[in-house]
Amino acid sequence: MLHRIKWEEDLVKDAEGNEVPNSCQLVWEGVTKQRSFGEIKFKVLPTEKQARELFQKHGVEHYWDLAYSGAVLGSGVDDV
């Protein structure tokens, strides 16, 4: 998915409201004992709480926590 979808073609708004190219980052890669999801579907969830509840419903809320913590930490400004 990182290479097959042209993420940069779409513009999204950053924290300041500026339009910037969209991006996709690998959060986790590995093998699990069993599948957590059946068919993968696109779903719009307007709040972080709703997104986490969806993952929690499938018993993998730690995936959301990992992705969300990376997004929060990655949104900081570097002081260089």
N, C-alpha and C. Protein backbone atom coordinates (compact mmCIF):
# COMPACT_ATOMS: atom_id res chain seq x y z
N MET A 1 0.81 -1.20 0.00
CA MET A 1 0.00 0.00 0.00
C MET A 1 0.86 1.26 0.00
N LEU A 2 2.05 1.15 0.52
CA LEU A 2 2.90 2.33 0.55
C LEU A 2 3.30 2.78 -0.84
N HIS A 3 3.43 1.83 -1.77
CA HIS A 3 3.90 2.17 -3.11
C HIS A 3 2.79 2.12 -4.17
N ARG A 4 1.75 1.34 -3.94
CA ARG A 4 0.72 1.17 -4.95
C ARG A 4 -0.26 2.34 -5.01
N ILE A 5 -0.41 3.04 -3.92
CA ILE A 5 -1.31 4.19 -3.88
C ILE A 5 -0.47 5.45 -3.95
N LYS A 6 -0.87 6.38 -4.78
CA LYS A 6 -0.13 7.64 -4.93
C LYS A 6 -0.62 8.63 -3.87
N TRP A 7 -0.11 8.45 -2.65
CA TRP A 7 -0.56 9.23 -1.50
C TRP A 7 -0.34 10.73 -1.69
N GLU A 8 0.76 11.11 -2.32
CA GLU A 8 1.13 12.52 -2.42
C GLU A 8 0.24 13.31 -3.38
N GLU A 9 -0.58 12.63 -4.18
CA GLU A 9 -1.43 13.34 -5.13
C GLU A 9 -2.54 14.13 -4.44
N ASP A 10 -2.98 13.68 -3.28
CA ASP A 10 -4.03 14.38 -2.54
C ASP A 10 -3.42 15.34 -1.54
N LEU A 11 -4.08 16.46 -1.35
CA LEU A 11 -3.63 17.43 -0.34
C LEU A 11 -4.52 17.30 0.88
N VAL A 12 -3.91 17.40 2.05
CA VAL A 12 -4.63 17.37 3.33
C VAL A 12 -4.21 18.58 4.13
N LYS A 13 -4.99 18.92 5.14
CA LYS A 13 -4.66 20.07 5.98
C LYS A 13 -3.85 19.62 7.18
N ASP A 14 -2.79 20.36 7.48
CA ASP A 14 -1.99 20.05 8.66
C ASP A 14 -2.60 20.75 9.88
N ALA A 15 -1.91 20.70 11.01
CA ALA A 15 -2.42 21.26 12.26
C ALA A 15 -2.69 22.76 12.17
N GLU A 16 -1.92 23.46 11.33
CA GLU A 16 -2.10 24.91 11.17
C GLU A 16 -3.13 25.26 10.12
N GLY A 17 -3.68 24.26 9.43
CA GLY A 17 -4.68 24.51 8.40
C GLY A 17 -4.10 24.69 7.01
N ASN A 18 -2.80 24.50 6.86
CA ASN A 18 -2.15 24.60 5.54
C ASN A 18 -2.33 23.30 4.78
N GLU A 19 -2.51 23.41 3.47
CA GLU A 19 -2.63 22.20 2.66
C GLU A 19 -1.24 21.66 2.35
N VAL A 20 -1.04 20.39 2.66
CA VAL A 20 0.24 19.72 2.44
C VAL A 20 -0.03 18.39 1.74
N PRO A 21 0.97 17.83 1.05
CA PRO A 21 0.76 16.52 0.41
C PRO A 21 0.45 15.44 1.44
N ASN A 22 -0.46 14.56 1.10
CA ASN A 22 -0.82 13.43 1.97
C ASN A 22 0.37 12.47 2.04
N SER A 23 0.40 11.63 3.05
CA SER A 23 1.48 10.65 3.17
C SER A 23 0.97 9.39 3.86
N CYS A 24 1.73 8.34 3.75
CA CYS A 24 1.41 7.08 4.41
C CYS A 24 2.71 6.54 4.99
N GLN A 25 2.66 6.10 6.24
CA GLN A 25 3.85 5.58 6.90
C GLN A 25 3.57 4.19 7.47
N LEU A 26 4.54 3.32 7.36
CA LEU A 26 4.43 1.98 7.92
C LEU A 26 4.53 2.07 9.44
N VAL A 27 3.53 1.55 10.13
CA VAL A 27 3.50 1.61 11.59
C VAL A 27 3.95 0.29 12.20
N TRP A 28 3.55 -0.81 11.60
CA TRP A 28 3.88 -2.12 12.14
C TRP A 28 3.94 -3.12 11.00
N GLU A 29 4.84 -4.07 11.10
CA GLU A 29 4.95 -5.12 10.11
C GLU A 29 5.31 -6.40 10.85
N GLY A 30 4.61 -7.48 10.55
CA GLY A 30 4.91 -8.73 11.23
C GLY A 30 3.84 -9.77 10.98
N VAL A 31 3.89 -10.82 11.77
CA VAL A 31 2.98 -11.95 11.63
C VAL A 31 2.20 -12.10 12.94
N THR A 32 0.92 -12.42 12.82
CA THR A 32 0.09 -12.69 13.99
C THR A 32 -0.41 -14.13 13.94
N LYS A 33 -0.85 -14.64 15.07
CA LYS A 33 -1.35 -16.02 15.12
C LYS A 33 -2.64 -16.18 14.35
N GLN A 34 -3.49 -15.17 14.41
CA GLN A 34 -4.78 -15.27 13.71
C GLN A 34 -5.16 -13.91 13.14
N ARG A 35 -6.04 -13.93 12.17
CA ARG A 35 -6.51 -12.69 11.56
C ARG A 35 -7.43 -11.96 12.52
N SER A 36 -7.29 -10.65 12.54
CA SER A 36 -8.14 -9.84 13.41
C SER A 36 -9.30 -9.23 12.64
N PHE A 37 -9.14 -9.09 11.34
CA PHE A 37 -10.17 -8.49 10.50
C PHE A 37 -10.52 -9.46 9.40
N GLY A 38 -11.77 -9.41 8.97
CA GLY A 38 -12.18 -10.18 7.81
C GLY A 38 -11.86 -9.38 6.56
N GLU A 39 -12.88 -8.93 5.90
CA GLU A 39 -12.72 -8.11 4.71
C GLU A 39 -12.36 -6.69 5.13
N ILE A 40 -11.34 -6.12 4.50
CA ILE A 40 -10.92 -4.75 4.81
C ILE A 40 -11.82 -3.78 4.07
N LYS A 41 -12.37 -2.82 4.80
CA LYS A 41 -13.25 -1.81 4.22
C LYS A 41 -12.79 -0.43 4.66
N PHE A 42 -13.07 0.55 3.84
CA PHE A 42 -12.79 1.94 4.18
C PHE A 42 -13.92 2.45 5.06
N LYS A 43 -13.59 3.05 6.17
CA LYS A 43 -14.61 3.56 7.07
C LYS A 43 -14.18 4.91 7.61
N VAL A 44 -15.06 5.90 7.55
CA VAL A 44 -14.76 7.23 8.06
C VAL A 44 -15.26 7.31 9.50
N LEU A 45 -14.35 7.62 10.40
CA LEU A 45 -14.69 7.79 11.81
C LEU A 45 -14.21 9.17 12.23
N PRO A 46 -15.12 10.07 12.58
CA PRO A 46 -14.75 11.46 12.81
C PRO A 46 -13.93 11.74 14.07
N THR A 47 -13.91 10.84 15.02
CA THR A 47 -13.14 11.11 16.24
C THR A 47 -12.16 9.98 16.53
N GLU A 48 -11.12 10.31 17.29
CA GLU A 48 -10.15 9.30 17.68
C GLU A 48 -10.80 8.22 18.54
N LYS A 49 -11.75 8.63 19.37
CA LYS A 49 -12.43 7.67 20.24
C LYS A 49 -13.18 6.62 19.42
N GLN A 50 -13.88 7.05 18.38
CA GLN A 50 -14.61 6.10 17.54
C GLN A 50 -13.66 5.17 16.80
N ALA A 51 -12.54 5.70 16.35
CA ALA A 51 -11.55 4.87 15.66
C ALA A 51 -10.99 3.81 16.60
N ARG A 52 -10.65 4.22 17.81
CA ARG A 52 -10.11 3.26 18.78
C ARG A 52 -11.14 2.21 19.14
N GLU A 53 -12.41 2.61 19.26
CA GLU A 53 -13.47 1.65 19.58
C GLU A 53 -13.63 0.61 18.48
N LEU A 54 -13.45 1.01 17.22
CA LEU A 54 -13.52 0.05 16.12
C LEU A 54 -12.41 -0.98 16.25
N PHE A 55 -11.20 -0.52 16.52
CA PHE A 55 -10.09 -1.45 16.71
C PHE A 55 -10.31 -2.32 17.94
N GLN A 56 -10.85 -1.73 18.99
CA GLN A 56 -11.12 -2.47 20.23
C GLN A 56 -12.14 -3.57 19.98
N LYS A 57 -13.12 -3.30 19.14
CA LYS A 57 -14.14 -4.29 18.79
C LYS A 57 -13.50 -5.54 18.19
N HIS A 58 -12.39 -5.35 17.48
CA HIS A 58 -11.68 -6.47 16.86
C HIS A 58 -10.53 -6.98 17.73
N GLY A 59 -10.38 -6.41 18.92
CA GLY A 59 -9.35 -6.88 19.85
C GLY A 59 -7.94 -6.44 19.51
N VAL A 60 -7.81 -5.37 18.73
CA VAL A 60 -6.47 -4.90 18.34
C VAL A 60 -6.32 -3.40 18.57
N GLU A 61 -6.84 -2.92 19.69
CA GLU A 61 -6.75 -1.49 19.97
C GLU A 61 -5.31 -1.02 20.09
N HIS A 62 -4.40 -1.95 20.37
CA HIS A 62 -2.98 -1.59 20.45
C HIS A 62 -2.45 -1.11 19.09
N TYR A 63 -3.06 -1.54 17.98
CA TYR A 63 -2.67 -1.02 16.67
C TYR A 63 -2.97 0.47 16.59
N TRP A 64 -4.16 0.85 17.05
CA TRP A 64 -4.54 2.27 17.04
C TRP A 64 -3.62 3.06 17.96
N ASP A 65 -3.37 2.54 19.15
CA ASP A 65 -2.51 3.25 20.10
C ASP A 65 -1.12 3.49 19.51
N LEU A 66 -0.58 2.50 18.84
CA LEU A 66 0.74 2.62 18.23
C LEU A 66 0.74 3.66 17.11
N ALA A 67 -0.25 3.59 16.24
CA ALA A 67 -0.33 4.55 15.13
C ALA A 67 -0.58 5.97 15.65
N TYR A 68 -1.46 6.10 16.62
CA TYR A 68 -1.80 7.42 17.16
C TYR A 68 -0.61 8.04 17.89
N SER A 69 0.10 7.24 18.66
CA SER A 69 1.26 7.79 19.37
C SER A 69 2.34 8.24 18.39
N GLY A 70 2.52 7.51 17.30
CA GLY A 70 3.48 7.93 16.28
C GLY A 70 3.05 9.20 15.60
N ALA A 71 1.75 9.37 15.38
CA ALA A 71 1.25 10.59 14.74
C ALA A 71 1.44 11.79 15.67
N VAL A 72 1.18 11.60 16.94
CA VAL A 72 1.32 12.69 17.90
C VAL A 72 2.78 13.07 18.06
N LEU A 73 3.65 12.09 18.21
CA LEU A 73 5.07 12.37 18.36
C LEU A 73 5.67 12.93 17.08
N GLY A 74 5.19 12.46 15.94
CA GLY A 74 5.71 12.92 14.66
C GLY A 74 5.24 14.31 14.27
N SER A 75 4.22 14.83 14.95
CA SER A 75 3.69 16.14 14.58
C SER A 75 4.44 17.28 15.26
N GLY A 76 5.40 16.95 16.12
CA GLY A 76 6.18 17.99 16.80
C GLY A 76 7.10 18.72 15.83
N VAL A 77 7.47 19.92 16.18
CA VAL A 77 8.36 20.73 15.35
C VAL A 77 9.79 20.52 15.82
N ASP A 78 10.68 20.25 14.88
CA ASP A 78 12.09 20.07 15.22
C ASP A 78 12.74 21.43 15.44
N ASP A 79 13.47 21.57 16.53
CA ASP A 79 14.21 22.80 16.80
C ASP A 79 15.64 22.63 16.33
N VAL A 80 15.91 23.02 15.09
CA VAL A 80 17.25 22.86 14.53
C VAL A 80 17.83 24.21 14.26
